[in-house]
Amino acid sequence: MSQIHAKRMGLALGATFALVFVGCMAVMLMTPQDTAVRFFNSLTHGVDWGPIMRWNMPWWEALLGVIEAFILGWLLGAFMAVVYNASSPRKRHDSE
């Protein structure tokens, strides 16, 4: 069984998290508020996001969110790879 590279897995999941964050921002920028709230509510099985959604976020805070999403994804991806590698059966090197 092959090993997963922790840095590569971290990069892949970090990039995915950052892309999803940017996608959420794009939905919020391109759709009316009520449509965006309905969209996000439907993704989370009816949890009402309307009262806590912010519509006037400064650009630097949005950029910080993308960076934080990437870091969180990187850490989770690297951790998943380490756990996967630690739990996989090791090859035996018999000297027979």
PDB file of N, CA and C in Angstrom:
ATOM      1  N   MET A   1       0.854  -1.174   0.000  1.00  0.00           N
ATOM      2  CA  MET A   1       0.000   0.000   0.000  1.00  0.00           C
ATOM      3  C   MET A   1       0.901   1.239   0.000  1.00  0.00           C
ATOM      4  N   SER A   2       0.571   2.201  -0.802  1.00  0.00           N
ATOM      5  CA  SER A   2       1.423   3.382  -0.920  1.00  0.00           C
ATOM      6  C   SER A   2       1.142   4.394   0.187  1.00  0.00           C
ATOM      7  N   GLN A   3       2.114   5.241   0.389  1.00  0.00           N
ATOM      8  CA  GLN A   3       2.021   6.300   1.394  1.00  0.00           C
ATOM      9  C   GLN A   3       1.497   7.578   0.744  1.00  0.00           C
ATOM     10  N   ILE A   4       0.861   8.410   1.534  1.00  0.00           N
ATOM     11  CA  ILE A   4       0.396   9.719   1.071  1.00  0.00           C
ATOM     12  C   ILE A   4       1.382  10.761   1.573  1.00  0.00           C
ATOM     13  N   HIS A   5       1.815  11.641   0.687  1.00  0.00           N
ATOM     14  CA  HIS A   5       2.718  12.724   1.081  1.00  0.00           C
ATOM     15  C   HIS A   5       1.923  13.782   1.842  1.00  0.00           C
ATOM     16  N   ALA A   6       2.306  14.035   3.086  1.00  0.00           N
ATOM     17  CA  ALA A   6       1.554  14.962   3.941  1.00  0.00           C
ATOM     18  C   ALA A   6       1.530  16.376   3.363  1.00  0.00           C
ATOM     19  N   LYS A   7       2.653  16.851   2.833  1.00  0.00           N
ATOM     20  CA  LYS A   7       2.692  18.211   2.285  1.00  0.00           C
ATOM     21  C   LYS A   7       1.804  18.345   1.056  1.00  0.00           C
ATOM     22  N   ARG A   8       1.813  17.326   0.203  1.00  0.00           N
ATOM     23  CA  ARG A   8       0.982  17.376  -1.010  1.00  0.00           C
ATOM     24  C   ARG A   8      -0.501  17.309  -0.658  1.00  0.00           C
ATOM     25  N   MET A   9      -0.836  16.442   0.292  1.00  0.00           N
ATOM     26  CA  MET A   9      -2.234  16.335   0.716  1.00  0.00           C
ATOM     27  C   MET A   9      -2.683  17.639   1.362  1.00  0.00           C
ATOM     28  N   GLY A  10      -1.807  18.228   2.181  1.00  0.00           N
ATOM     29  CA  GLY A  10      -2.118  19.515   2.795  1.00  0.00           C
ATOM     30  C   GLY A  10      -2.338  20.592   1.749  1.00  0.00           C
ATOM     31  N   LEU A  11      -1.481  20.620   0.746  1.00  0.00           N
ATOM     32  CA  LEU A  11      -1.619  21.611  -0.319  1.00  0.00           C
ATOM     33  C   LEU A  11      -2.933  21.417  -1.078  1.00  0.00           C
ATOM     34  N   ALA A  12      -3.256  20.160  -1.377  1.00  0.00           N
ATOM     35  CA  ALA A  12      -4.482  19.879  -2.124  1.00  0.00           C
ATOM     36  C   ALA A  12      -5.719  20.293  -1.336  1.00  0.00           C
ATOM     37  N   LEU A  13      -5.778  19.917  -0.064  1.00  0.00           N
ATOM     38  CA  LEU A  13      -6.958  20.263   0.723  1.00  0.00           C
ATOM     39  C   LEU A  13      -6.990  21.755   1.041  1.00  0.00           C
ATOM     40  N   GLY A  14      -5.831  22.369   1.279  1.00  0.00           N
ATOM     41  CA  GLY A  14      -5.780  23.809   1.516  1.00  0.00           C
ATOM     42  C   GLY A  14      -6.268  24.593   0.313  1.00  0.00           C
ATOM     43  N   ALA A  15      -5.827  24.197  -0.882  1.00  0.00           N
ATOM     44  CA  ALA A  15      -6.272  24.871  -2.100  1.00  0.00           C
ATOM     45  C   ALA A  15      -7.768  24.672  -2.308  1.00  0.00           C
ATOM     46  N   THR A  16      -8.265  23.484  -1.978  1.00  0.00           N
ATOM     47  CA  THR A  16      -9.701  23.225  -2.118  1.00  0.00           C
ATOM     48  C   THR A  16     -10.507  24.097  -1.164  1.00  0.00           C
ATOM     49  N   PHE A  17     -10.081  24.178   0.092  1.00  0.00           N
ATOM     50  CA  PHE A  17     -10.775  25.029   1.064  1.00  0.00           C
ATOM     51  C   PHE A  17     -10.778  26.483   0.615  1.00  0.00           C
ATOM     52  N   ALA A  18      -9.626  26.981   0.135  1.00  0.00           N
ATOM     53  CA  ALA A  18      -9.535  28.371  -0.313  1.00  0.00           C
ATOM     54  C   ALA A  18     -10.452  28.606  -1.515  1.00  0.00           C
ATOM     55  N   LEU A  19     -10.501  27.648  -2.435  1.00  0.00           N
ATOM     56  CA  LEU A  19     -11.365  27.778  -3.607  1.00  0.00           C
ATOM     57  C   LEU A  19     -12.839  27.783  -3.208  1.00  0.00           C
ATOM     58  N   VAL A  20     -13.220  26.943  -2.260  1.00  0.00           N
ATOM     59  CA  VAL A  20     -14.607  26.934  -1.780  1.00  0.00           C
ATOM     60  C   VAL A  20     -14.940  28.270  -1.115  1.00  0.00           C
ATOM     61  N   PHE A  21     -14.000  28.822  -0.341  1.00  0.00           N
ATOM     62  CA  PHE A  21     -14.210  30.118   0.307  1.00  0.00           C
ATOM     63  C   PHE A  21     -14.427  31.210  -0.749  1.00  0.00           C
ATOM     64  N   VAL A  22     -13.596  31.218  -1.785  1.00  0.00           N
ATOM     65  CA  VAL A  22     -13.745  32.204  -2.864  1.00  0.00           C
ATOM     66  C   VAL A  22     -15.077  31.990  -3.585  1.00  0.00           C
ATOM     67  N   GLY A  23     -15.473  30.735  -3.778  1.00  0.00           N
ATOM     68  CA  GLY A  23     -16.761  30.447  -4.396  1.00  0.00           C
ATOM     69  C   GLY A  23     -17.923  30.982  -3.577  1.00  0.00           C
ATOM     70  N   CYS A  24     -17.843  30.826  -2.264  1.00  0.00           N
ATOM     71  CA  CYS A  24     -18.891  31.385  -1.396  1.00  0.00           C
ATOM     72  C   CYS A  24     -18.945  32.904  -1.509  1.00  0.00           C
ATOM     73  N   MET A  25     -17.770  33.529  -1.559  1.00  0.00           N
ATOM     74  CA  MET A  25     -17.741  34.988  -1.718  1.00  0.00           C
ATOM     75  C   MET A  25     -18.360  35.393  -3.052  1.00  0.00           C
ATOM     76  N   ALA A  26     -18.084  34.629  -4.098  1.00  0.00           N
ATOM     77  CA  ALA A  26     -18.628  34.949  -5.418  1.00  0.00           C
ATOM     78  C   ALA A  26     -20.151  34.845  -5.418  1.00  0.00           C
ATOM     79  N   VAL A  27     -20.679  33.808  -4.768  1.00  0.00           N
ATOM     80  CA  VAL A  27     -22.137  33.674  -4.680  1.00  0.00           C
ATOM     81  C   VAL A  27     -22.728  34.879  -3.962  1.00  0.00           C
ATOM     82  N   MET A  28     -22.093  35.297  -2.880  1.00  0.00           N
ATOM     83  CA  MET A  28     -22.609  36.434  -2.111  1.00  0.00           C
ATOM     84  C   MET A  28     -22.524  37.740  -2.894  1.00  0.00           C
ATOM     85  N   LEU A  29     -21.495  37.878  -3.734  1.00  0.00           N
ATOM     86  CA  LEU A  29     -21.336  39.115  -4.514  1.00  0.00           C
ATOM     87  C   LEU A  29     -22.270  39.185  -5.716  1.00  0.00           C
ATOM     88  N   MET A  30     -22.583  38.032  -6.313  1.00  0.00           N
ATOM     89  CA  MET A  30     -23.313  38.033  -7.583  1.00  0.00           C
ATOM     90  C   MET A  30     -24.808  37.786  -7.464  1.00  0.00           C
ATOM     91  N   THR A  31     -25.289  37.458  -6.288  1.00  0.00           N
ATOM     92  CA  THR A  31     -26.716  37.167  -6.148  1.00  0.00           C
ATOM     93  C   THR A  31     -27.350  38.127  -5.141  1.00  0.00           C
ATOM     94  N   PRO A  32     -28.634  38.343  -5.263  1.00  0.00           N
ATOM     95  CA  PRO A  32     -29.324  39.151  -4.250  1.00  0.00           C
ATOM     96  C   PRO A  32     -29.242  38.469  -2.877  1.00  0.00           C
ATOM     97  N   GLN A  33     -29.356  39.265  -1.826  1.00  0.00           N
ATOM     98  CA  GLN A  33     -29.199  38.738  -0.472  1.00  0.00           C
ATOM     99  C   GLN A  33     -30.150  37.589  -0.165  1.00  0.00           C
ATOM    100  N   ASP A  34     -31.418  37.736  -0.502  1.00  0.00           N
ATOM    101  CA  ASP A  34     -32.376  36.677  -0.166  1.00  0.00           C
ATOM    102  C   ASP A  34     -32.062  35.378  -0.916  1.00  0.00           C
ATOM    103  N   THR A  35     -31.568  35.483  -2.152  1.00  0.00           N
ATOM    104  CA  THR A  35     -31.200  34.298  -2.917  1.00  0.00           C
ATOM    105  C   THR A  35     -29.973  33.633  -2.310  1.00  0.00           C
ATOM    106  N   ALA A  36     -28.994  34.426  -1.921  1.00  0.00           N
ATOM    107  CA  ALA A  36     -27.785  33.870  -1.305  1.00  0.00           C
ATOM    108  C   ALA A  36     -28.113  33.182   0.019  1.00  0.00           C
ATOM    109  N   VAL A  37     -28.957  33.798   0.826  1.00  0.00           N
ATOM    110  CA  VAL A  37     -29.339  33.195   2.103  1.00  0.00           C
ATOM    111  C   VAL A  37     -30.069  31.875   1.864  1.00  0.00           C
ATOM    112  N   ARG A  38     -30.980  31.842   0.899  1.00  0.00           N
ATOM    113  CA  ARG A  38     -31.691  30.599   0.572  1.00  0.00           C
ATOM    114  C   ARG A  38     -30.717  29.522   0.094  1.00  0.00           C
ATOM    115  N   PHE A  39     -29.741  29.915  -0.731  1.00  0.00           N
ATOM    116  CA  PHE A  39     -28.750  28.970  -1.245  1.00  0.00           C
ATOM    117  C   PHE A  39     -27.956  28.343  -0.101  1.00  0.00           C
ATOM    118  N   PHE A  40     -27.408  29.171   0.788  1.00  0.00           N
ATOM    119  CA  PHE A  40     -26.600  28.645   1.885  1.00  0.00           C
ATOM    120  C   PHE A  40     -27.447  27.875   2.899  1.00  0.00           C
ATOM    121  N   ASN A  41     -28.693  28.298   3.102  1.00  0.00           N
ATOM    122  CA  ASN A  41     -29.592  27.549   3.985  1.00  0.00           C
ATOM    123  C   ASN A  41     -29.855  26.153   3.423  1.00  0.00           C
ATOM    124  N   SER A  42     -30.013  26.057   2.111  1.00  0.00           N
ATOM    125  CA  SER A  42     -30.288  24.740   1.513  1.00  0.00           C
ATOM    126  C   SER A  42     -29.079  23.815   1.601  1.00  0.00           C
ATOM    127  N   LEU A  43     -27.867  24.371   1.606  1.00  0.00           N
ATOM    128  CA  LEU A  43     -26.665  23.548   1.738  1.00  0.00           C
ATOM    129  C   LEU A  43     -26.523  22.944   3.133  1.00  0.00           C
ATOM    130  N   THR A  44     -27.094  23.591   4.121  1.00  0.00           N
ATOM    131  CA  THR A  44     -26.933  23.132   5.510  1.00  0.00           C
ATOM    132  C   THR A  44     -28.249  22.665   6.097  1.00  0.00           C
ATOM    133  N   HIS A  45     -29.090  22.100   5.277  1.00  0.00           N
ATOM    134  CA  HIS A  45     -30.338  21.462   5.705  1.00  0.00           C
ATOM    135  C   HIS A  45     -31.241  22.388   6.510  1.00  0.00           C
ATOM    136  N   GLY A  46     -31.339  23.629   6.075  1.00  0.00           N
ATOM    137  CA  GLY A  46     -32.300  24.538   6.673  1.00  0.00           C
ATOM    138  C   GLY A  46     -31.797  25.383   7.823  1.00  0.00           C
ATOM    139  N   VAL A  47     -30.518  25.304   8.164  1.00  0.00           N
ATOM    140  CA  VAL A  47     -29.977  26.207   9.186  1.00  0.00           C
ATOM    141  C   VAL A  47     -30.088  27.627   8.638  1.00  0.00           C
ATOM    142  N   ASP A  48     -30.620  28.553   9.424  1.00  0.00           N
ATOM    143  CA  ASP A  48     -30.842  29.923   8.948  1.00  0.00           C
ATOM    144  C   ASP A  48     -29.584  30.764   9.134  1.00  0.00           C
ATOM    145  N   TRP A  49     -28.893  31.034   8.022  1.00  0.00           N
ATOM    146  CA  TRP A  49     -27.668  31.833   8.045  1.00  0.00           C
ATOM    147  C   TRP A  49     -27.940  33.331   7.903  1.00  0.00           C
ATOM    148  N   GLY A  50     -29.160  33.697   7.572  1.00  0.00           N
ATOM    149  CA  GLY A  50     -29.493  35.093   7.317  1.00  0.00           C
ATOM    150  C   GLY A  50     -29.080  36.067   8.410  1.00  0.00           C
ATOM    151  N   PRO A  51     -29.407  35.777   9.683  1.00  0.00           N
ATOM    152  CA  PRO A  51     -29.075  36.745  10.725  1.00  0.00           C
ATOM    153  C   PRO A  51     -27.579  36.929  10.983  1.00  0.00           C
ATOM    154  N   ILE A  52     -26.745  35.970  10.574  1.00  0.00           N
ATOM    155  CA  ILE A  52     -25.317  36.103  10.886  1.00  0.00           C
ATOM    156  C   ILE A  52     -24.447  36.391   9.666  1.00  0.00           C
ATOM    157  N   MET A  53     -25.044  36.465   8.480  1.00  0.00           N
ATOM    158  CA  MET A  53     -24.250  36.758   7.280  1.00  0.00           C
ATOM    159  C   MET A  53     -23.919  38.244   7.226  1.00  0.00           C
ATOM    160  N   ARG A  54     -22.656  38.533   6.877  1.00  0.00           N
ATOM    161  CA  ARG A  54     -22.204  39.919   6.739  1.00  0.00           C
ATOM    162  C   ARG A  54     -22.104  40.264   5.260  1.00  0.00           C
ATOM    163  N   TRP A  55     -22.589  41.416   4.890  1.00  0.00           N
ATOM    164  CA  TRP A  55     -22.597  41.827   3.488  1.00  0.00           C
ATOM    165  C   TRP A  55     -21.633  42.970   3.206  1.00  0.00           C
ATOM    166  N   ASN A  56     -21.026  43.529   4.225  1.00  0.00           N
ATOM    167  CA  ASN A  56     -20.123  44.674   4.019  1.00  0.00           C
ATOM    168  C   ASN A  56     -18.733  44.356   4.562  1.00  0.00           C
ATOM    169  N   MET A  57     -18.170  43.255   4.139  1.00  0.00           N
ATOM    170  CA  MET A  57     -16.849  42.842   4.593  1.00  0.00           C
ATOM    171  C   MET A  57     -15.776  43.576   3.791  1.00  0.00           C
ATOM    172  N   PRO A  58     -14.784  44.172   4.445  1.00  0.00           N
ATOM    173  CA  PRO A  58     -13.699  44.832   3.708  1.00  0.00           C
ATOM    174  C   PRO A  58     -12.839  43.802   2.961  1.00  0.00           C
ATOM    175  N   TRP A  59     -12.187  44.244   1.895  1.00  0.00           N
ATOM    176  CA  TRP A  59     -11.414  43.340   1.047  1.00  0.00           C
ATOM    177  C   TRP A  59     -10.316  42.635   1.810  1.00  0.00           C
ATOM    178  N   TRP A  60      -9.658  43.346   2.738  1.00  0.00           N
ATOM    179  CA  TRP A  60      -8.545  42.742   3.464  1.00  0.00           C
ATOM    180  C   TRP A  60      -9.032  41.634   4.398  1.00  0.00           C
ATOM    181  N   GLU A  61     -10.242  41.760   4.909  1.00  0.00           N
ATOM    182  CA  GLU A  61     -10.797  40.723   5.772  1.00  0.00           C
ATOM    183  C   GLU A  61     -11.187  39.500   4.947  1.00  0.00           C
ATOM    184  N   ALA A  62     -11.676  39.717   3.736  1.00  0.00           N
ATOM    185  CA  ALA A  62     -11.993  38.602   2.840  1.00  0.00           C
ATOM    186  C   ALA A  62     -10.715  37.858   2.441  1.00  0.00           C
ATOM    187  N   LEU A  63      -9.650  38.604   2.158  1.00  0.00           N
ATOM    188  CA  LEU A  63      -8.364  37.990   1.824  1.00  0.00           C
ATOM    189  C   LEU A  63      -7.826  37.195   3.007  1.00  0.00           C
ATOM    190  N   LEU A  64      -7.956  37.740   4.196  1.00  0.00           N
ATOM    191  CA  LEU A  64      -7.536  37.027   5.399  1.00  0.00           C
ATOM    192  C   LEU A  64      -8.329  35.733   5.557  1.00  0.00           C
ATOM    193  N   GLY A  65      -9.607  35.763   5.238  1.00  0.00           N
ATOM    194  CA  GLY A  65     -10.432  34.554   5.296  1.00  0.00           C
ATOM    195  C   GLY A  65      -9.962  33.486   4.327  1.00  0.00           C
ATOM    196  N   VAL A  66      -9.557  33.889   3.119  1.00  0.00           N
ATOM    197  CA  VAL A  66      -9.035  32.932   2.140  1.00  0.00           C
ATOM    198  C   VAL A  66      -7.751  32.298   2.669  1.00  0.00           C
ATOM    199  N   ILE A  67      -6.877  33.117   3.237  1.00  0.00           N
ATOM    200  CA  ILE A  67      -5.611  32.617   3.784  1.00  0.00           C
ATOM    201  C   ILE A  67      -5.876  31.670   4.957  1.00  0.00           C
ATOM    202  N   GLU A  68      -6.795  32.047   5.841  1.00  0.00           N
ATOM    203  CA  GLU A  68      -7.126  31.193   6.981  1.00  0.00           C
ATOM    204  C   GLU A  68      -7.742  29.869   6.519  1.00  0.00           C
ATOM    205  N   ALA A  69      -8.596  29.910   5.502  1.00  0.00           N
ATOM    206  CA  ALA A  69      -9.198  28.681   4.971  1.00  0.00           C
ATOM    207  C   ALA A  69      -8.111  27.772   4.398  1.00  0.00           C
ATOM    208  N   PHE A  70      -7.133  28.364   3.686  1.00  0.00           N
ATOM    209  CA  PHE A  70      -6.035  27.573   3.141  1.00  0.00           C
ATOM    210  C   PHE A  70      -5.220  26.921   4.258  1.00  0.00           C
ATOM    211  N   ILE A  71      -4.887  27.689   5.284  1.00  0.00           N
ATOM    212  CA  ILE A  71      -4.081  27.148   6.388  1.00  0.00           C
ATOM    213  C   ILE A  71      -4.832  26.026   7.102  1.00  0.00           C
ATOM    214  N   LEU A  72      -6.102  26.229   7.373  1.00  0.00           N
ATOM    215  CA  LEU A  72      -6.897  25.194   8.026  1.00  0.00           C
ATOM    216  C   LEU A  72      -6.960  23.941   7.156  1.00  0.00           C
ATOM    217  N   GLY A  73      -7.185  24.102   5.871  1.00  0.00           N
ATOM    218  CA  GLY A  73      -7.214  22.966   4.954  1.00  0.00           C
ATOM    219  C   GLY A  73      -5.872  22.259   4.887  1.00  0.00           C
ATOM    220  N   TRP A  74      -4.774  23.032   4.868  1.00  0.00           N
ATOM    221  CA  TRP A  74      -3.447  22.430   4.828  1.00  0.00           C
ATOM    222  C   TRP A  74      -3.211  21.590   6.073  1.00  0.00           C
ATOM    223  N   LEU A  75      -3.533  22.140   7.224  1.00  0.00           N
ATOM    224  CA  LEU A  75      -3.338  21.395   8.472  1.00  0.00           C
ATOM    225  C   LEU A  75      -4.185  20.121   8.503  1.00  0.00           C
ATOM    226  N   LEU A  76      -5.438  20.210   8.092  1.00  0.00           N
ATOM    227  CA  LEU A  76      -6.301  19.030   8.077  1.00  0.00           C
ATOM    228  C   LEU A  76      -5.806  17.993   7.074  1.00  0.00           C
ATOM    229  N   GLY A  77      -5.405  18.426   5.898  1.00  0.00           N
ATOM    230  CA  GLY A  77      -4.906  17.496   4.890  1.00  0.00           C
ATOM    231  C   GLY A  77      -3.632  16.800   5.331  1.00  0.00           C
ATOM    232  N   ALA A  78      -2.705  17.554   5.905  1.00  0.00           N
ATOM    233  CA  ALA A  78      -1.461  16.951   6.390  1.00  0.00           C
ATOM    234  C   ALA A  78      -1.747  15.972   7.526  1.00  0.00           C
ATOM    235  N   PHE A  79      -2.647  16.326   8.419  1.00  0.00           N
ATOM    236  CA  PHE A  79      -3.011  15.440   9.527  1.00  0.00           C
ATOM    237  C   PHE A  79      -3.654  14.161   9.001  1.00  0.00           C
ATOM    238  N   MET A  80      -4.545  14.292   8.025  1.00  0.00           N
ATOM    239  CA  MET A  80      -5.183  13.108   7.436  1.00  0.00           C
ATOM    240  C   MET A  80      -4.132  12.184   6.820  1.00  0.00           C
ATOM    241  N   ALA A  81      -3.154  12.740   6.131  1.00  0.00           N
ATOM    242  CA  ALA A  81      -2.108  11.922   5.510  1.00  0.00           C
ATOM    243  C   ALA A  81      -1.270  11.211   6.566  1.00  0.00           C
ATOM    244  N   VAL A  82      -0.933  11.912   7.638  1.00  0.00           N
ATOM    245  CA  VAL A  82      -0.136  11.299   8.708  1.00  0.00           C
ATOM    246  C   VAL A  82      -0.908  10.150   9.355  1.00  0.00           C
ATOM    247  N   VAL A  83      -2.185  10.373   9.642  1.00  0.00           N
ATOM    248  CA  VAL A  83      -2.999   9.316  10.246  1.00  0.00           C
ATOM    249  C   VAL A  83      -3.140   8.139   9.283  1.00  0.00           C
ATOM    250  N   TYR A  84      -3.383   8.416   8.006  1.00  0.00           N
ATOM    251  CA  TYR A  84      -3.500   7.352   7.006  1.00  0.00           C
ATOM    252  C   TYR A  84      -2.209   6.536   6.940  1.00  0.00           C
ATOM    253  N   ASN A  85      -1.077   7.236   6.878  1.00  0.00           N
ATOM    254  CA  ASN A  85       0.206   6.540   6.777  1.00  0.00           C
ATOM    255  C   ASN A  85       0.505   5.733   8.037  1.00  0.00           C
ATOM    256  N   ALA A  86       0.140   6.259   9.184  1.00  0.00           N
ATOM    257  CA  ALA A  86       0.397   5.545  10.440  1.00  0.00           C
ATOM    258  C   ALA A  86      -0.500   4.321  10.577  1.00  0.00           C
ATOM    259  N   SER A  87      -1.664   4.337   9.979  1.00  0.00           N
ATOM    260  CA  SER A  87      -2.601   3.223  10.133  1.00  0.00           C
ATOM    261  C   SER A  87      -2.475   2.173   9.032  1.00  0.00           C
ATOM    262  N   SER A  88      -1.688   2.443   8.006  1.00  0.00           N
ATOM    263  CA  SER A  88      -1.552   1.469   6.923  1.00  0.00           C
ATOM    264  C   SER A  88      -0.562   0.381   7.331  1.00  0.00           C
ATOM    265  N   PRO A  89      -0.788  -0.834   6.855  1.00  0.00           N
ATOM    266  CA  PRO A  89       0.134  -1.920   7.207  1.00  0.00           C
ATOM    267  C   PRO A  89       1.517  -1.668   6.616  1.00  0.00           C
ATOM    268  N   ARG A  90       2.524  -1.979   7.394  1.00  0.00           N
ATOM    269  CA  ARG A  90       3.902  -1.764   6.943  1.00  0.00           C
ATOM    270  C   ARG A  90       4.416  -3.012   6.238  1.00  0.00           C
ATOM    271  N   LYS A  91       5.282  -2.777   5.264  1.00  0.00           N
ATOM    272  CA  LYS A  91       5.894  -3.906   4.557  1.00  0.00           C
ATOM    273  C   LYS A  91       6.935  -4.551   5.478  1.00  0.00           C
ATOM    274  N   ARG A  92       6.991  -5.871   5.438  1.00  0.00           N
ATOM    275  CA  ARG A  92       7.979  -6.590   6.235  1.00  0.00           C
ATOM    276  C   ARG A  92       9.222  -6.826   5.393  1.00  0.00           C
ATOM    277  N   HIS A  93      10.350  -6.603   6.002  1.00  0.00           N
ATOM    278  CA  HIS A  93      11.632  -6.854   5.326  1.00  0.00           C
ATOM    279  C   HIS A  93      12.247  -8.098   5.976  1.00  0.00           C
ATOM    280  N   ASP A  94      11.924  -9.235   5.424  1.00  0.00           N
ATOM    281  CA  ASP A  94      12.478 -10.494   5.946  1.00  0.00           C
ATOM    282  C   ASP A  94      13.843 -10.739   5.340  1.00  0.00           C
ATOM    283  N   SER A  95      14.776 -11.119   6.155  1.00  0.00           N
ATOM    284  CA  SER A  95      16.131 -11.383   5.667  1.00  0.00           C
ATOM    285  C   SER A  95      16.353 -12.859   5.386  1.00  0.00           C
ATOM    286  N   GLU A  96      15.324 -13.575   5.106  1.00  0.00           N
ATOM    287  CA  GLU A  96      15.427 -15.005   4.855  1.00  0.00           C
ATOM    288  C   GLU A  96      15.834 -15.278   3.439  1.00  0.00           C
TER     289      GLU A  96
END
